[in-house]
Amino acid sequence: MSMSIPAGSAPDLYVERLKQIHDHDMPSLCEATDAAIIDGGGFGWVTPPGRRAMETYFRGVLLVPERELFVARLNGDIVGSAILARPPRNNEAQAFAATLMHSYIAPYARGHGLARLLTEGVEERARELGYHVLNLDVRDSQTAAIRLYESMGYIRWGEHPEYAQVRGKSMAGYFYYKRLRPRKTGNGE
């Protein structure tokens, strides 16, 4: 997909949380995901799994109570997505922290600030839900994402030298967190 924006006009950018995926949105969601996967963009798949598998995956995300799907739109078309993952109910010790997963913007839609808007949208929702910390991880090869997250106040706390394998090659990965609310003290303040 090639997005062209008429000279002199500002693109229409926005982020939304999807509660259902309309039939007219599924093709652009799958196409954007395919493009990000082919570009090496941190979705977990190394090669696109095919349309049926991808549609099943996204519809399944909406069925999991601890997952929320966010999409980035450029002029109405979905060009990226991210998932807010909440901890399972039985994990009381880590109930204060959520995770940002599988965040990407399709290569043909980059350069408009949508990755930042998408991250801010997930952060805002995490705050609404009462989370104090947002965690994420990223491959070391995703330098643009690393720069973005660090510029947004995410703190790198660890590195995994064998984080992923892509086409037989091991890749390192980094772990980040961002405090969304002031730290709670042990005395209930």
N, C-alpha and C. Protein backbone atom coordinates (compact mmCIF):
# COMPACT_ATOMS: atom_id res chain seq x y z
N MET A 1 0.85 -1.18 0.00
CA MET A 1 0.00 0.00 0.00
C MET A 1 0.89 1.23 0.00
N SER A 2 0.57 2.17 -0.79
CA SER A 2 1.31 3.41 -0.85
C SER A 2 0.37 4.55 -0.48
N MET A 3 0.76 5.30 0.52
CA MET A 3 -0.07 6.42 0.97
C MET A 3 0.51 7.70 0.38
N SER A 4 -0.30 8.43 -0.32
CA SER A 4 0.16 9.73 -0.79
C SER A 4 -0.74 10.80 -0.18
N ILE A 5 -0.10 11.84 0.25
CA ILE A 5 -0.81 12.95 0.88
C ILE A 5 -0.61 14.16 -0.03
N PRO A 6 -1.69 14.77 -0.46
CA PRO A 6 -1.57 15.92 -1.35
C PRO A 6 -0.68 17.00 -0.75
N ALA A 7 0.13 17.61 -1.59
CA ALA A 7 1.02 18.67 -1.14
C ALA A 7 0.22 19.78 -0.47
N GLY A 8 0.74 20.25 0.65
CA GLY A 8 0.10 21.35 1.36
C GLY A 8 -1.02 20.95 2.29
N SER A 9 -1.40 19.67 2.31
CA SER A 9 -2.46 19.26 3.23
C SER A 9 -1.87 18.43 4.36
N ALA A 10 -2.38 18.65 5.53
CA ALA A 10 -1.92 17.91 6.70
C ALA A 10 -2.64 16.57 6.76
N PRO A 11 -1.91 15.51 7.06
CA PRO A 11 -2.57 14.21 7.16
C PRO A 11 -3.47 14.15 8.39
N ASP A 12 -4.50 13.35 8.31
CA ASP A 12 -5.41 13.12 9.43
C ASP A 12 -4.85 11.95 10.24
N LEU A 13 -4.36 12.21 11.44
CA LEU A 13 -3.73 11.22 12.29
C LEU A 13 -4.55 11.01 13.54
N TYR A 14 -4.80 9.76 13.90
CA TYR A 14 -5.41 9.51 15.20
C TYR A 14 -5.21 8.07 15.62
N VAL A 15 -5.40 7.87 16.90
CA VAL A 15 -5.24 6.56 17.53
C VAL A 15 -6.54 6.23 18.23
N GLU A 16 -6.94 4.97 18.15
CA GLU A 16 -8.15 4.55 18.85
C GLU A 16 -7.98 3.14 19.38
N ARG A 17 -8.75 2.86 20.42
CA ARG A 17 -8.82 1.51 20.97
C ARG A 17 -9.98 0.81 20.27
N LEU A 18 -9.69 -0.34 19.68
CA LEU A 18 -10.74 -1.09 18.99
C LEU A 18 -11.39 -2.09 19.93
N LYS A 19 -12.70 -2.10 19.94
CA LYS A 19 -13.44 -3.11 20.70
C LYS A 19 -13.97 -4.19 19.76
N GLN A 20 -14.01 -3.84 18.48
CA GLN A 20 -14.35 -4.80 17.43
C GLN A 20 -13.66 -4.35 16.16
N ILE A 21 -13.41 -5.30 15.27
CA ILE A 21 -12.76 -4.98 14.01
C ILE A 21 -13.81 -5.09 12.91
N HIS A 22 -14.11 -3.98 12.29
CA HIS A 22 -15.08 -3.97 11.20
C HIS A 22 -14.45 -4.59 9.96
N ASP A 23 -15.29 -5.19 9.15
CA ASP A 23 -14.80 -5.86 7.94
C ASP A 23 -13.98 -4.93 7.05
N HIS A 24 -14.37 -3.66 6.98
CA HIS A 24 -13.62 -2.73 6.13
C HIS A 24 -12.26 -2.35 6.70
N ASP A 25 -12.04 -2.60 8.01
CA ASP A 25 -10.75 -2.30 8.64
C ASP A 25 -9.76 -3.46 8.59
N MET A 26 -10.26 -4.68 8.50
CA MET A 26 -9.37 -5.84 8.55
C MET A 26 -8.32 -5.84 7.44
N PRO A 27 -8.68 -5.52 6.18
CA PRO A 27 -7.64 -5.53 5.14
C PRO A 27 -6.49 -4.55 5.43
N SER A 28 -6.81 -3.32 5.88
CA SER A 28 -5.73 -2.36 6.14
C SER A 28 -4.92 -2.77 7.37
N LEU A 29 -5.56 -3.35 8.37
CA LEU A 29 -4.84 -3.83 9.55
C LEU A 29 -3.87 -4.94 9.16
N CYS A 30 -4.34 -5.90 8.38
CA CYS A 30 -3.48 -7.01 7.95
C CYS A 30 -2.37 -6.53 7.02
N GLU A 31 -2.70 -5.63 6.11
CA GLU A 31 -1.69 -5.11 5.18
C GLU A 31 -0.59 -4.35 5.93
N ALA A 32 -0.98 -3.52 6.88
CA ALA A 32 0.01 -2.77 7.67
C ALA A 32 0.89 -3.73 8.47
N THR A 33 0.28 -4.76 9.02
CA THR A 33 1.03 -5.74 9.80
C THR A 33 2.00 -6.50 8.91
N ASP A 34 1.52 -6.95 7.74
CA ASP A 34 2.41 -7.62 6.78
C ASP A 34 3.61 -6.74 6.44
N ALA A 35 3.35 -5.48 6.14
CA ALA A 35 4.43 -4.56 5.76
C ALA A 35 5.44 -4.40 6.89
N ALA A 36 4.95 -4.29 8.13
CA ALA A 36 5.85 -4.14 9.28
C ALA A 36 6.66 -5.41 9.50
N ILE A 37 6.04 -6.56 9.34
CA ILE A 37 6.76 -7.83 9.50
C ILE A 37 7.86 -7.95 8.45
N ILE A 38 7.53 -7.69 7.20
CA ILE A 38 8.50 -7.77 6.11
C ILE A 38 9.66 -6.81 6.36
N ASP A 39 9.36 -5.65 6.94
CA ASP A 39 10.39 -4.64 7.24
C ASP A 39 11.19 -4.99 8.50
N GLY A 40 10.82 -6.06 9.20
CA GLY A 40 11.53 -6.46 10.41
C GLY A 40 11.04 -5.76 11.65
N GLY A 41 9.80 -5.29 11.63
CA GLY A 41 9.29 -4.43 12.68
C GLY A 41 8.63 -5.07 13.86
N GLY A 42 9.31 -5.82 14.64
CA GLY A 42 8.97 -6.18 15.99
C GLY A 42 7.61 -6.73 16.31
N PHE A 43 7.01 -7.43 15.43
CA PHE A 43 5.70 -7.97 15.75
C PHE A 43 5.78 -9.39 16.28
N GLY A 44 6.93 -10.00 16.16
CA GLY A 44 7.11 -11.38 16.61
C GLY A 44 7.20 -12.35 15.44
N TRP A 45 6.36 -12.16 14.44
CA TRP A 45 6.48 -12.99 13.24
C TRP A 45 7.69 -12.51 12.45
N VAL A 46 8.37 -13.46 11.81
CA VAL A 46 9.51 -13.14 10.97
C VAL A 46 9.06 -13.05 9.51
N THR A 47 8.07 -13.86 9.16
CA THR A 47 7.46 -13.80 7.83
C THR A 47 5.95 -13.70 8.02
N PRO A 48 5.27 -12.99 7.15
CA PRO A 48 3.82 -12.87 7.30
C PRO A 48 3.16 -14.26 7.30
N PRO A 49 2.24 -14.50 8.24
CA PRO A 49 1.65 -15.82 8.39
C PRO A 49 0.51 -16.13 7.43
N GLY A 50 0.11 -15.18 6.63
CA GLY A 50 -1.05 -15.36 5.76
C GLY A 50 -2.26 -14.66 6.34
N ARG A 51 -3.16 -14.29 5.47
CA ARG A 51 -4.31 -13.47 5.87
C ARG A 51 -5.20 -14.17 6.89
N ARG A 52 -5.51 -15.43 6.66
CA ARG A 52 -6.42 -16.12 7.58
C ARG A 52 -5.84 -16.18 8.99
N ALA A 53 -4.57 -16.52 9.11
CA ALA A 53 -3.93 -16.60 10.44
C ALA A 53 -3.91 -15.22 11.11
N MET A 54 -3.64 -14.20 10.31
CA MET A 54 -3.57 -12.86 10.88
C MET A 54 -4.95 -12.38 11.34
N GLU A 55 -5.97 -12.62 10.54
CA GLU A 55 -7.32 -12.23 10.95
C GLU A 55 -7.73 -12.97 12.22
N THR A 56 -7.41 -14.26 12.29
CA THR A 56 -7.71 -15.05 13.48
C THR A 56 -6.98 -14.48 14.69
N TYR A 57 -5.72 -14.11 14.50
CA TYR A 57 -4.93 -13.54 15.59
C TYR A 57 -5.59 -12.27 16.13
N PHE A 58 -5.88 -11.32 15.24
CA PHE A 58 -6.43 -10.04 15.70
C PHE A 58 -7.82 -10.21 16.32
N ARG A 59 -8.64 -11.06 15.75
CA ARG A 59 -9.96 -11.30 16.36
C ARG A 59 -9.79 -11.96 17.73
N GLY A 60 -8.79 -12.81 17.86
CA GLY A 60 -8.51 -13.45 19.14
C GLY A 60 -8.04 -12.47 20.20
N VAL A 61 -7.24 -11.49 19.80
CA VAL A 61 -6.77 -10.47 20.75
C VAL A 61 -7.97 -9.81 21.43
N LEU A 62 -9.01 -9.53 20.64
CA LEU A 62 -10.19 -8.85 21.19
C LEU A 62 -10.97 -9.73 22.17
N LEU A 63 -10.76 -11.03 22.12
CA LEU A 63 -11.48 -11.96 23.01
C LEU A 63 -10.80 -12.14 24.36
N VAL A 64 -9.52 -11.77 24.45
CA VAL A 64 -8.77 -11.97 25.69
C VAL A 64 -9.04 -10.79 26.63
N PRO A 65 -9.61 -11.06 27.80
CA PRO A 65 -9.97 -9.96 28.71
C PRO A 65 -8.79 -9.06 29.10
N GLU A 66 -7.60 -9.62 29.17
CA GLU A 66 -6.43 -8.84 29.61
C GLU A 66 -5.72 -8.13 28.47
N ARG A 67 -6.31 -8.09 27.28
CA ARG A 67 -5.67 -7.45 26.13
C ARG A 67 -6.58 -6.36 25.56
N GLU A 68 -5.98 -5.26 25.14
CA GLU A 68 -6.70 -4.20 24.44
C GLU A 68 -5.90 -3.84 23.20
N LEU A 69 -6.59 -3.77 22.06
CA LEU A 69 -5.96 -3.47 20.78
C LEU A 69 -6.14 -2.00 20.44
N PHE A 70 -5.03 -1.35 20.16
CA PHE A 70 -5.02 0.05 19.73
C PHE A 70 -4.55 0.10 18.29
N VAL A 71 -5.13 0.99 17.50
CA VAL A 71 -4.68 1.16 16.12
C VAL A 71 -4.36 2.62 15.86
N ALA A 72 -3.40 2.81 14.94
CA ALA A 72 -3.05 4.14 14.46
C ALA A 72 -3.65 4.27 13.07
N ARG A 73 -4.26 5.41 12.82
CA ARG A 73 -4.88 5.66 11.51
C ARG A 73 -4.23 6.87 10.85
N LEU A 74 -4.06 6.73 9.55
CA LEU A 74 -3.59 7.81 8.71
C LEU A 74 -4.64 8.01 7.63
N ASN A 75 -5.28 9.17 7.66
CA ASN A 75 -6.37 9.48 6.72
C ASN A 75 -7.43 8.38 6.71
N GLY A 76 -7.74 7.86 7.89
CA GLY A 76 -8.81 6.88 8.06
C GLY A 76 -8.39 5.43 7.95
N ASP A 77 -7.23 5.16 7.35
CA ASP A 77 -6.78 3.78 7.18
C ASP A 77 -5.90 3.34 8.35
N ILE A 78 -6.07 2.11 8.80
CA ILE A 78 -5.21 1.58 9.84
C ILE A 78 -3.83 1.35 9.26
N VAL A 79 -2.81 1.90 9.93
CA VAL A 79 -1.42 1.77 9.46
C VAL A 79 -0.49 1.25 10.55
N GLY A 80 -1.05 0.89 11.70
CA GLY A 80 -0.23 0.36 12.79
C GLY A 80 -1.11 -0.06 13.94
N SER A 81 -0.50 -0.78 14.87
CA SER A 81 -1.26 -1.19 16.05
C SER A 81 -0.32 -1.44 17.22
N ALA A 82 -0.92 -1.60 18.37
CA ALA A 82 -0.21 -1.94 19.61
C ALA A 82 -1.21 -2.62 20.53
N ILE A 83 -0.69 -3.38 21.47
CA ILE A 83 -1.54 -4.09 22.43
C ILE A 83 -1.14 -3.67 23.84
N LEU A 84 -2.14 -3.35 24.63
CA LEU A 84 -1.95 -3.13 26.06
C LEU A 84 -2.31 -4.44 26.73
N ALA A 85 -1.32 -5.04 27.41
CA ALA A 85 -1.54 -6.31 28.10
C ALA A 85 -1.54 -6.07 29.60
N ARG A 86 -2.63 -6.45 30.22
CA ARG A 86 -2.75 -6.33 31.67
C ARG A 86 -2.33 -7.64 32.31
N PRO A 87 -1.79 -7.60 33.53
CA PRO A 87 -1.39 -8.85 34.18
C PRO A 87 -2.62 -9.69 34.52
N PRO A 88 -2.46 -11.02 34.57
CA PRO A 88 -3.60 -11.87 34.95
C PRO A 88 -4.03 -11.57 36.38
N ARG A 89 -5.27 -11.82 36.67
CA ARG A 89 -5.84 -11.49 37.99
C ARG A 89 -5.12 -12.19 39.15
N ASN A 90 -4.53 -13.36 38.88
CA ASN A 90 -3.87 -14.07 39.96
C ASN A 90 -2.48 -13.52 40.27
N ASN A 91 -2.01 -12.53 39.51
CA ASN A 91 -0.69 -11.95 39.74
C ASN A 91 -0.83 -10.65 40.53
N GLU A 92 -1.21 -10.76 41.78
CA GLU A 92 -1.43 -9.58 42.61
C GLU A 92 -0.15 -8.78 42.85
N ALA A 93 0.99 -9.46 42.92
CA ALA A 93 2.25 -8.77 43.21
C ALA A 93 2.66 -7.82 42.08
N GLN A 94 2.23 -8.11 40.85
CA GLN A 94 2.58 -7.25 39.73
C GLN A 94 1.35 -6.57 39.12
N ALA A 95 0.31 -6.47 39.89
CA ALA A 95 -0.95 -5.89 39.39
C ALA A 95 -0.84 -4.39 39.12
N PHE A 96 0.22 -3.76 39.54
CA PHE A 96 0.41 -2.32 39.33
C PHE A 96 1.01 -2.00 37.95
N ALA A 97 1.43 -3.04 37.19
CA ALA A 97 2.16 -2.81 35.94
C ALA A 97 1.48 -3.51 34.77
N ALA A 98 1.42 -2.81 33.66
CA ALA A 98 0.91 -3.37 32.40
C ALA A 98 2.06 -3.39 31.39
N THR A 99 1.80 -3.99 30.23
CA THR A 99 2.84 -4.13 29.21
C THR A 99 2.33 -3.63 27.86
N LEU A 100 3.18 -2.88 27.17
CA LEU A 100 2.94 -2.47 25.80
C LEU A 100 3.59 -3.51 24.91
N MET A 101 2.79 -4.15 24.04
CA MET A 101 3.29 -5.23 23.19
C MET A 101 3.01 -4.97 21.72
N HIS A 102 3.85 -5.55 20.88
CA HIS A 102 3.63 -5.62 19.43
C HIS A 102 3.26 -4.27 18.80
N SER A 103 3.98 -3.25 19.16
CA SER A 103 3.71 -1.93 18.62
C SER A 103 4.47 -1.72 17.32
N TYR A 104 3.80 -1.22 16.30
CA TYR A 104 4.45 -0.97 15.01
C TYR A 104 3.64 0.04 14.21
N ILE A 105 4.32 0.67 13.29
CA ILE A 105 3.71 1.50 12.25
C ILE A 105 4.25 0.96 10.92
N ALA A 106 3.38 0.77 9.94
CA ALA A 106 3.81 0.28 8.63
C ALA A 106 4.84 1.22 8.03
N PRO A 107 5.82 0.69 7.32
CA PRO A 107 6.88 1.56 6.77
C PRO A 107 6.36 2.69 5.89
N TYR A 108 5.28 2.46 5.16
CA TYR A 108 4.75 3.49 4.26
C TYR A 108 4.02 4.61 4.99
N ALA A 109 3.85 4.48 6.31
CA ALA A 109 3.13 5.51 7.07
C ALA A 109 4.01 6.16 8.13
N ARG A 110 5.29 5.89 8.10
CA ARG A 110 6.19 6.45 9.10
C ARG A 110 6.54 7.89 8.77
N GLY A 111 6.99 8.60 9.80
CA GLY A 111 7.42 9.97 9.60
C GLY A 111 6.36 11.02 9.92
N HIS A 112 5.21 10.58 10.42
CA HIS A 112 4.13 11.50 10.76
C HIS A 112 3.93 11.65 12.27
N GLY A 113 4.69 10.89 13.06
CA GLY A 113 4.54 10.94 14.51
C GLY A 113 3.52 9.95 15.06
N LEU A 114 3.08 9.02 14.23
CA LEU A 114 2.06 8.06 14.69
C LEU A 114 2.57 7.09 15.75
N ALA A 115 3.84 6.73 15.70
CA ALA A 115 4.37 5.82 16.72
C ALA A 115 4.29 6.46 18.11
N ARG A 116 4.61 7.74 18.17
CA ARG A 116 4.50 8.47 19.44
C ARG A 116 3.04 8.56 19.88
N LEU A 117 2.14 8.90 18.95
CA LEU A 117 0.72 9.00 19.29
C LEU A 117 0.17 7.65 19.78
N LEU A 118 0.60 6.58 19.13
CA LEU A 118 0.14 5.25 19.51
C LEU A 118 0.62 4.91 20.92
N THR A 119 1.88 5.18 21.20
CA THR A 119 2.43 4.92 22.53
C THR A 119 1.72 5.78 23.58
N GLU A 120 1.49 7.04 23.27
CA GLU A 120 0.78 7.93 24.21
C GLU A 120 -0.64 7.43 24.46
N GLY A 121 -1.29 6.92 23.42
CA GLY A 121 -2.65 6.38 23.59
C GLY A 121 -2.67 5.19 24.53
N VAL A 122 -1.70 4.30 24.40
CA VAL A 122 -1.62 3.15 25.30
C VAL A 122 -1.30 3.61 26.72
N GLU A 123 -0.37 4.55 26.85
CA GLU A 123 -0.04 5.08 28.17
C GLU A 123 -1.27 5.70 28.85
N GLU A 124 -2.01 6.50 28.09
CA GLU A 124 -3.20 7.16 28.64
C GLU A 124 -4.21 6.12 29.15
N ARG A 125 -4.43 5.08 28.38
CA ARG A 125 -5.36 4.03 28.80
C ARG A 125 -4.84 3.30 30.03
N ALA A 126 -3.55 3.04 30.07
CA ALA A 126 -2.96 2.37 31.24
C ALA A 126 -3.16 3.23 32.49
N ARG A 127 -2.99 4.53 32.36
CA ARG A 127 -3.24 5.43 33.50
C ARG A 127 -4.71 5.39 33.91
N GLU A 128 -5.62 5.44 32.93
CA GLU A 128 -7.05 5.37 33.23
C GLU A 128 -7.39 4.11 34.02
N LEU A 129 -6.72 3.02 33.70
CA LEU A 129 -6.97 1.75 34.38
C LEU A 129 -6.27 1.65 35.72
N GLY A 130 -5.48 2.67 36.07
CA GLY A 130 -4.84 2.72 37.37
C GLY A 130 -3.45 2.12 37.45
N TYR A 131 -2.84 1.83 36.31
CA TYR A 131 -1.49 1.25 36.35
C TYR A 131 -0.46 2.31 36.67
N HIS A 132 0.57 1.88 37.37
CA HIS A 132 1.64 2.78 37.80
C HIS A 132 2.86 2.68 36.88
N VAL A 133 3.02 1.54 36.22
CA VAL A 133 4.20 1.29 35.40
C VAL A 133 3.76 0.64 34.09
N LEU A 134 4.44 1.03 33.00
CA LEU A 134 4.23 0.38 31.71
C LEU A 134 5.57 -0.21 31.27
N ASN A 135 5.58 -1.50 30.97
CA ASN A 135 6.77 -2.22 30.54
C ASN A 135 6.72 -2.46 29.04
N LEU A 136 7.87 -2.62 28.43
CA LEU A 136 7.95 -3.02 27.03
C LEU A 136 9.32 -3.62 26.77
N ASP A 137 9.42 -4.34 25.66
CA ASP A 137 10.72 -4.85 25.22
C ASP A 137 10.83 -4.66 23.73
N VAL A 138 12.08 -4.61 23.24
CA VAL A 138 12.34 -4.30 21.84
C VAL A 138 13.66 -4.93 21.41
N ARG A 139 13.72 -5.39 20.16
CA ARG A 139 14.97 -5.93 19.61
C ARG A 139 15.98 -4.81 19.45
N ASP A 140 17.25 -5.14 19.60
CA ASP A 140 18.30 -4.13 19.48
C ASP A 140 18.40 -3.55 18.08
N SER A 141 17.87 -4.24 17.08
CA SER A 141 17.93 -3.73 15.70
C SER A 141 16.89 -2.65 15.42
N GLN A 142 15.95 -2.45 16.32
CA GLN A 142 14.89 -1.48 16.11
C GLN A 142 15.28 -0.12 16.68
N THR A 143 16.27 0.49 16.05
CA THR A 143 16.85 1.71 16.59
C THR A 143 15.87 2.87 16.65
N ALA A 144 14.99 2.99 15.67
CA ALA A 144 14.02 4.10 15.70
C ALA A 144 13.08 3.94 16.89
N ALA A 145 12.64 2.72 17.16
CA ALA A 145 11.76 2.48 18.31
C ALA A 145 12.50 2.76 19.61
N ILE A 146 13.75 2.35 19.68
CA ILE A 146 14.55 2.59 20.89
C ILE A 146 14.68 4.09 21.14
N ARG A 147 15.00 4.84 20.09
CA ARG A 147 15.11 6.30 20.24
C ARG A 147 13.79 6.91 20.70
N LEU A 148 12.68 6.45 20.11
CA LEU A 148 11.37 6.97 20.49
C LEU A 148 11.10 6.70 21.96
N TYR A 149 11.22 5.45 22.37
CA TYR A 149 10.89 5.11 23.76
C TYR A 149 11.78 5.85 24.74
N GLU A 150 13.06 5.94 24.44
CA GLU A 150 13.96 6.66 25.36
C GLU A 150 13.61 8.15 25.40
N SER A 151 13.19 8.72 24.27
CA SER A 151 12.82 10.14 24.26
C SER A 151 11.51 10.38 25.03
N MET A 152 10.73 9.32 25.21
CA MET A 152 9.46 9.43 25.93
C MET A 152 9.60 9.08 27.41
N GLY A 153 10.83 8.89 27.87
CA GLY A 153 11.07 8.67 29.29
C GLY A 153 11.12 7.21 29.72
N TYR A 154 11.15 6.28 28.77
CA TYR A 154 11.30 4.87 29.13
C TYR A 154 12.73 4.61 29.55
N ILE A 155 12.90 3.81 30.57
CA ILE A 155 14.21 3.53 31.14
C ILE A 155 14.60 2.09 30.81
N ARG A 156 15.76 1.94 30.18
CA ARG A 156 16.27 0.60 29.88
C ARG A 156 16.83 0.00 31.16
N TRP A 157 16.30 -1.14 31.53
CA TRP A 157 16.76 -1.77 32.76
C TRP A 157 17.48 -3.09 32.52
N GLY A 158 17.42 -3.60 31.29
CA GLY A 158 18.09 -4.86 31.06
C GLY A 158 18.27 -5.17 29.59
N GLU A 159 19.15 -6.14 29.36
CA GLU A 159 19.43 -6.61 28.01
C GLU A 159 19.46 -8.13 28.03
N HIS A 160 18.90 -8.72 26.99
CA HIS A 160 18.92 -10.17 26.83
C HIS A 160 19.71 -10.46 25.56
N PRO A 161 20.89 -11.10 25.66
CA PRO A 161 21.73 -11.32 24.48
C PRO A 161 21.14 -12.30 23.47
N GLU A 162 20.22 -13.14 23.89
CA GLU A 162 19.59 -14.13 23.01
C GLU A 162 18.07 -13.90 22.99
N TYR A 163 17.67 -12.67 22.80
CA TYR A 163 16.27 -12.25 22.88
C TYR A 163 15.41 -12.86 21.78
N ALA A 164 15.95 -12.93 20.56
CA ALA A 164 15.18 -13.44 19.42
C ALA A 164 16.12 -14.11 18.43
N GLN A 165 15.51 -14.97 17.60
CA GLN A 165 16.25 -15.55 16.48
C GLN A 165 15.51 -15.22 15.20
N VAL A 166 16.22 -14.59 14.28
CA VAL A 166 15.64 -14.21 13.01
C VAL A 166 16.52 -14.77 11.91
N ARG A 167 15.93 -15.68 11.13
CA ARG A 167 16.64 -16.34 10.03
C ARG A 167 17.95 -16.96 10.51
N GLY A 168 17.88 -17.63 11.67
CA GLY A 168 19.03 -18.34 12.21
C GLY A 168 20.04 -17.48 12.94
N LYS A 169 19.80 -16.20 13.02
CA LYS A 169 20.74 -15.29 13.68
C LYS A 169 20.16 -14.81 15.01
N SER A 170 20.94 -14.96 16.07
CA SER A 170 20.50 -14.46 17.38
C SER A 170 20.57 -12.95 17.42
N MET A 171 19.56 -12.37 18.08
CA MET A 171 19.51 -10.92 18.23
C MET A 171 19.30 -10.58 19.70
N ALA A 172 19.94 -9.51 20.12
CA ALA A 172 19.76 -9.04 21.49
C ALA A 172 18.46 -8.26 21.59
N GLY A 173 17.99 -8.09 22.80
CA GLY A 173 16.81 -7.29 23.04
C GLY A 173 16.97 -6.50 24.32
N TYR A 174 16.19 -5.43 24.43
CA TYR A 174 16.25 -4.55 25.59
C TYR A 174 14.90 -4.50 26.28
N PHE A 175 14.93 -4.32 27.58
CA PHE A 175 13.73 -4.23 28.40
C PHE A 175 13.65 -2.82 28.98
N TYR A 176 12.45 -2.26 28.92
CA TYR A 176 12.21 -0.89 29.36
C TYR A 176 11.00 -0.82 30.28
N TYR A 177 10.97 0.24 31.08
CA TYR A 177 9.78 0.55 31.86
C TYR A 177 9.63 2.06 31.93
N LYS A 178 8.40 2.49 32.19
CA LYS A 178 8.13 3.90 32.42
C LYS A 178 7.15 4.01 33.57
N ARG A 179 7.46 4.86 34.51
CA ARG A 179 6.56 5.12 35.63
C ARG A 179 5.47 6.07 35.15
N LEU A 180 4.21 5.66 35.32
CA LEU A 180 3.08 6.47 34.88
C LEU A 180 2.47 7.30 36.01
N ARG A 181 2.76 6.89 37.22
CA ARG A 181 2.26 7.58 38.42
C ARG A 181 3.39 7.64 39.44
N PRO A 182 3.29 8.53 40.40
CA PRO A 182 4.33 8.57 41.43
C PRO A 182 4.45 7.23 42.18
N ARG A 183 5.63 6.94 42.60
CA ARG A 183 5.91 5.70 43.32
C ARG A 183 5.13 5.66 44.63
N LYS A 184 4.56 4.49 44.91
CA LYS A 184 3.90 4.29 46.21
C LYS A 184 4.95 3.98 47.25
N THR A 185 4.78 4.54 48.42
CA THR A 185 5.72 4.23 49.50
C THR A 185 5.15 3.09 50.34
N GLY A 186 5.99 2.48 51.12
CA GLY A 186 5.59 1.33 51.92
C GLY A 186 4.62 1.66 53.04
N ASN A 187 4.45 2.95 53.39
CA ASN A 187 3.58 3.31 54.50
C ASN A 187 2.18 3.74 54.06
N GLY A 188 1.82 3.39 52.82
CA GLY A 188 0.46 3.68 52.34
C GLY A 188 0.27 5.06 51.77
N GLU A 189 1.32 5.86 51.68
CA GLU A 189 1.21 7.22 51.11
C GLU A 189 1.24 7.18 49.62
